[in-house]
N, C-alpha and C. Protein backbone atom coordinates (compact mmCIF):
# COMPACT_ATOMS: atom_id res chain seq x y z
N MET A 1 -180.09 -95.49 109.08
CA MET A 1 -180.77 -96.53 108.31
C MET A 1 -181.87 -97.51 108.88
N LEU A 2 -183.02 -97.26 109.11
CA LEU A 2 -183.43 -98.09 110.18
C LEU A 2 -183.40 -99.79 110.11
N MET A 3 -183.22 -100.36 111.07
CA MET A 3 -183.57 -102.21 111.17
C MET A 3 -185.02 -102.49 110.96
N GLY A 4 -185.47 -104.12 110.40
CA GLY A 4 -186.54 -103.92 110.24
C GLY A 4 -187.31 -104.15 109.08
N LYS A 5 -186.70 -103.52 108.15
CA LYS A 5 -187.28 -103.35 106.75
C LYS A 5 -186.32 -103.53 105.96
N TRP A 6 -186.40 -104.88 104.58
CA TRP A 6 -185.88 -104.91 103.40
C TRP A 6 -185.12 -103.63 102.90
N ARG A 7 -184.24 -104.04 102.33
CA ARG A 7 -183.59 -103.34 101.80
C ARG A 7 -182.59 -103.91 99.99
N VAL A 8 -183.24 -103.02 99.26
CA VAL A 8 -181.78 -103.08 98.03
C VAL A 8 -180.49 -102.49 98.17
N GLU A 9 -179.22 -103.57 98.16
CA GLU A 9 -178.14 -102.45 97.70
C GLU A 9 -177.67 -102.66 96.83
N TYR A 10 -177.64 -101.46 95.94
CA TYR A 10 -176.67 -101.58 94.16
C TYR A 10 -175.36 -100.91 93.95
N ASP A 11 -174.71 -101.60 93.81
CA ASP A 11 -173.18 -100.88 93.46
C ASP A 11 -173.04 -100.39 91.70
N ARG A 12 -173.75 -99.21 91.73
CA ARG A 12 -173.82 -98.67 90.88
C ARG A 12 -172.29 -98.61 89.66
N GLU A 13 -171.49 -98.22 90.37
CA GLU A 13 -170.16 -98.08 89.75
C GLU A 13 -169.88 -99.01 88.89
N ASN A 14 -169.85 -100.82 89.40
CA ASN A 14 -169.69 -101.69 88.91
C ASN A 14 -170.39 -101.89 88.09
N CYS A 15 -171.74 -101.10 87.61
CA CYS A 15 -172.64 -102.18 86.89
C CYS A 15 -172.07 -101.92 85.19
N ILE A 16 -172.90 -103.22 84.32
CA ILE A 16 -172.08 -102.78 83.09
C ILE A 16 -173.49 -102.37 82.43
N GLY A 17 -174.33 -101.95 82.42
CA GLY A 17 -175.22 -101.60 81.63
C GLY A 17 -175.69 -102.78 80.84
N ALA A 18 -176.00 -103.97 81.19
CA ALA A 18 -176.62 -104.85 80.69
C ALA A 18 -177.96 -105.07 80.30
N GLY A 19 -178.62 -104.46 81.37
CA GLY A 19 -180.38 -104.06 81.64
C GLY A 19 -181.01 -105.26 81.75
N ALA A 20 -180.84 -106.36 82.17
CA ALA A 20 -181.34 -107.49 82.80
C ALA A 20 -182.17 -107.31 84.00
N CYS A 21 -182.01 -106.48 84.60
CA CYS A 21 -182.75 -106.16 85.70
C CYS A 21 -184.05 -105.12 85.45
N VAL A 22 -183.78 -104.34 84.46
CA VAL A 22 -184.76 -103.47 83.68
C VAL A 22 -185.94 -104.21 83.08
N ALA A 23 -185.14 -105.33 82.34
CA ALA A 23 -186.26 -106.26 81.50
C ALA A 23 -186.98 -107.10 82.60
N THR A 24 -186.32 -107.65 84.16
CA THR A 24 -187.12 -108.23 84.52
C THR A 24 -188.23 -107.43 85.53
N ASN A 25 -187.62 -105.99 85.82
CA ASN A 25 -188.32 -105.42 86.75
C ASN A 25 -188.07 -104.04 86.22
N ALA A 26 -189.06 -103.91 85.36
CA ALA A 26 -188.58 -102.29 85.06
C ALA A 26 -189.74 -101.23 85.77
N GLU A 27 -190.74 -101.41 86.94
CA GLU A 27 -191.10 -100.89 87.80
C GLU A 27 -190.15 -100.14 88.59
N TRP A 28 -188.87 -100.62 88.85
CA TRP A 28 -188.04 -100.45 90.00
C TRP A 28 -186.90 -99.93 89.21
N TRP A 29 -186.51 -100.57 88.44
CA TRP A 29 -185.00 -99.78 87.28
C TRP A 29 -185.12 -99.41 85.94
N SER A 30 -184.45 -98.40 85.87
CA SER A 30 -184.18 -98.05 84.50
C SER A 30 -182.84 -97.60 84.00
N ILE A 31 -182.67 -97.81 82.89
CA ILE A 31 -181.18 -97.18 82.04
C ILE A 31 -181.29 -96.00 82.09
N ASP A 32 -179.90 -95.85 82.47
CA ASP A 32 -180.02 -94.23 82.75
C ASP A 32 -178.88 -93.85 81.40
N GLN A 33 -178.62 -92.20 81.22
CA GLN A 33 -178.40 -91.55 80.03
C GLN A 33 -176.61 -92.29 79.92
N ASP A 34 -175.94 -92.50 81.24
CA ASP A 34 -174.76 -93.22 80.95
C ASP A 34 -174.65 -94.63 80.55
N GLY A 35 -176.10 -95.41 80.28
CA GLY A 35 -176.22 -96.41 80.17
C GLY A 35 -176.15 -97.55 81.33
N LYS A 36 -175.69 -97.19 82.53
CA LYS A 36 -176.00 -97.63 83.25
C LYS A 36 -177.17 -97.65 84.31
N ALA A 37 -177.84 -99.10 84.76
CA ALA A 37 -179.28 -99.19 85.67
C ALA A 37 -179.19 -98.63 86.76
N THR A 38 -180.29 -97.69 87.23
CA THR A 38 -180.62 -96.77 88.06
C THR A 38 -181.90 -97.47 89.19
N LEU A 39 -181.79 -97.41 89.95
CA LEU A 39 -182.59 -98.21 90.84
C LEU A 39 -183.46 -97.19 91.50
N LYS A 40 -184.81 -96.95 91.25
CA LYS A 40 -185.50 -95.67 91.15
C LYS A 40 -185.77 -95.51 92.55
N SER A 41 -185.69 -94.11 92.95
CA SER A 41 -186.38 -93.66 94.34
C SER A 41 -184.75 -94.41 95.55
N ALA A 42 -183.62 -94.41 95.02
CA ALA A 42 -182.82 -94.78 95.94
C ALA A 42 -182.35 -93.80 96.26
N SER A 43 -181.38 -93.38 97.72
CA SER A 43 -180.56 -92.91 97.88
C SER A 43 -179.25 -93.38 97.52
N TYR A 44 -178.25 -92.60 97.61
CA TYR A 44 -176.45 -92.66 97.74
C TYR A 44 -175.70 -92.73 99.07
N ASP A 45 -175.08 -93.85 99.16
CA ASP A 45 -174.46 -93.42 100.37
C ASP A 45 -173.01 -93.37 99.87
N PRO A 46 -172.71 -92.72 100.39
CA PRO A 46 -171.31 -92.25 99.79
C PRO A 46 -169.84 -92.61 100.32
N GLU A 47 -170.49 -93.26 101.70
CA GLU A 47 -169.36 -93.87 102.57
C GLU A 47 -169.21 -95.23 101.90
N ARG A 48 -170.30 -96.05 101.55
CA ARG A 48 -170.04 -97.66 101.15
C ARG A 48 -170.04 -97.61 99.65
N LYS A 49 -170.49 -96.50 99.29
CA LYS A 49 -170.16 -96.02 97.51
C LYS A 49 -171.65 -97.33 96.86
N LEU A 50 -172.59 -97.51 97.33
CA LEU A 50 -173.87 -97.96 97.37
C LEU A 50 -175.06 -97.08 97.39
N TRP A 51 -175.91 -98.10 96.35
CA TRP A 51 -177.73 -97.17 96.54
C TRP A 51 -178.39 -97.85 97.06
N THR A 52 -179.41 -97.50 98.14
CA THR A 52 -179.97 -98.32 99.46
C THR A 52 -181.13 -97.85 98.76
N LEU A 53 -181.79 -98.59 99.33
CA LEU A 53 -183.74 -98.74 99.01
C LEU A 53 -184.35 -99.21 99.86
N GLU A 54 -185.14 -99.02 100.93
CA GLU A 54 -185.90 -100.18 101.61
C GLU A 54 -186.90 -100.53 100.93
N ILE A 55 -187.77 -101.02 100.95
CA ILE A 55 -188.75 -101.94 100.48
C ILE A 55 -189.42 -102.92 101.33
N GLU A 56 -191.16 -102.44 100.55
CA GLU A 56 -191.91 -103.79 101.56
C GLU A 56 -191.31 -105.30 101.08
N GLU A 57 -191.96 -105.71 102.06
CA GLU A 57 -191.84 -107.79 101.84
C GLU A 57 -192.72 -107.64 100.68
N ALA A 58 -193.72 -107.20 100.52
CA ALA A 58 -194.39 -107.64 99.05
C ALA A 58 -193.43 -107.62 98.12
N ASP A 59 -192.58 -106.77 98.00
CA ASP A 59 -191.95 -106.02 97.03
C ASP A 59 -190.10 -107.16 96.59
N VAL A 60 -190.19 -107.93 97.67
CA VAL A 60 -188.88 -108.67 97.74
C VAL A 60 -188.58 -109.49 96.82
N GLN A 61 -189.37 -110.18 96.21
CA GLN A 61 -189.67 -111.25 94.63
C GLN A 61 -189.00 -110.71 93.67
N LYS A 62 -189.75 -109.26 93.47
CA LYS A 62 -189.73 -108.59 91.81
C LYS A 62 -188.10 -108.17 91.95
N GLN A 63 -187.30 -107.53 93.61
CA GLN A 63 -185.87 -107.33 93.42
C GLN A 63 -185.11 -108.55 93.42
N MET A 64 -185.39 -109.71 93.88
CA MET A 64 -184.68 -110.90 94.28
C MET A 64 -184.72 -111.46 92.70
N ASP A 65 -185.82 -111.12 91.86
CA ASP A 65 -185.64 -111.59 90.10
C ASP A 65 -184.44 -110.74 89.57
N ALA A 66 -184.73 -109.27 89.71
CA ALA A 66 -183.39 -108.34 88.99
C ALA A 66 -182.06 -108.84 89.49
N ALA A 67 -182.45 -108.92 90.61
CA ALA A 67 -180.66 -109.05 91.08
C ALA A 67 -180.34 -110.47 91.09
N GLY A 68 -181.46 -111.69 90.75
CA GLY A 68 -180.94 -112.73 90.38
C GLY A 68 -180.21 -112.61 88.68
N VAL A 69 -180.66 -112.11 88.06
CA VAL A 69 -180.68 -112.47 86.31
C VAL A 69 -179.11 -110.66 86.70
N CYS A 70 -178.67 -110.35 87.14
CA CYS A 70 -177.98 -109.44 86.75
C CYS A 70 -176.23 -110.13 86.65
N PRO A 71 -175.59 -109.65 85.18
CA PRO A 71 -174.37 -110.63 85.51
C PRO A 71 -173.52 -110.30 85.95
N VAL A 72 -173.41 -109.03 86.71
CA VAL A 72 -172.08 -108.85 87.45
C VAL A 72 -171.97 -108.64 89.11
N ASN A 73 -173.36 -109.48 89.43
CA ASN A 73 -173.91 -109.66 90.58
C ASN A 73 -173.77 -108.40 91.56
N VAL A 74 -174.14 -107.12 91.31
CA VAL A 74 -174.12 -105.90 91.71
C VAL A 74 -175.20 -105.24 92.42
N ILE A 75 -176.42 -106.27 92.53
CA ILE A 75 -177.75 -105.98 93.49
C ILE A 75 -178.26 -106.60 94.50
N HIS A 76 -177.90 -106.19 95.75
CA HIS A 76 -178.20 -107.62 96.82
C HIS A 76 -179.34 -106.97 97.30
N ILE A 77 -180.41 -108.42 97.95
CA ILE A 77 -181.13 -108.34 99.14
C ILE A 77 -180.85 -108.18 100.41
N ILE A 78 -181.34 -107.63 101.06
CA ILE A 78 -180.68 -107.67 102.42
C ILE A 78 -182.26 -107.91 103.38
N ASP A 79 -182.12 -108.89 104.24
CA ASP A 79 -183.36 -109.19 104.87
C ASP A 79 -183.31 -107.85 106.39
N PRO A 80 -184.48 -108.23 106.56
CA PRO A 80 -184.46 -107.55 107.79
C PRO A 80 -183.87 -107.66 109.50
N ASP A 81 -183.15 -108.74 109.07
CA ASP A 81 -181.97 -108.91 110.29
C ASP A 81 -180.41 -108.58 109.45
N GLY A 82 -180.62 -108.21 108.63
CA GLY A 82 -179.04 -107.58 107.79
C GLY A 82 -178.32 -109.01 107.19
N ASN A 83 -178.92 -109.79 106.87
CA ASN A 83 -178.60 -110.79 106.12
C ASN A 83 -178.65 -110.83 104.40
N LYS A 84 -177.90 -110.71 103.72
CA LYS A 84 -177.56 -110.67 102.60
C LYS A 84 -178.50 -111.87 101.87
N LYS A 85 -179.68 -111.71 101.24
CA LYS A 85 -179.94 -112.70 100.13
C LYS A 85 -179.35 -113.04 99.16
N ILE A 86 -178.92 -112.22 97.94
CA ILE A 86 -178.33 -112.58 96.58
C ILE A 86 -177.08 -111.42 97.02
């Protein structure tokens, strides 16, 4: 993974399927057939058990909004320096 990019880290295993992320940001999130949210175009990291997606700075606020409404806090935004924002 390249440093210097914003990224979303999503713990899908612990998602409860509330759908708040989808309601806030349907461009990037959807509900899958199993009832859990899916981060569109994300890649799975089996070692960390996380879905990750690099995003442009222009998309950070949209993803922070989705992370902020998640009732189980399984969506995190990581800045280019590796600091967790949510």
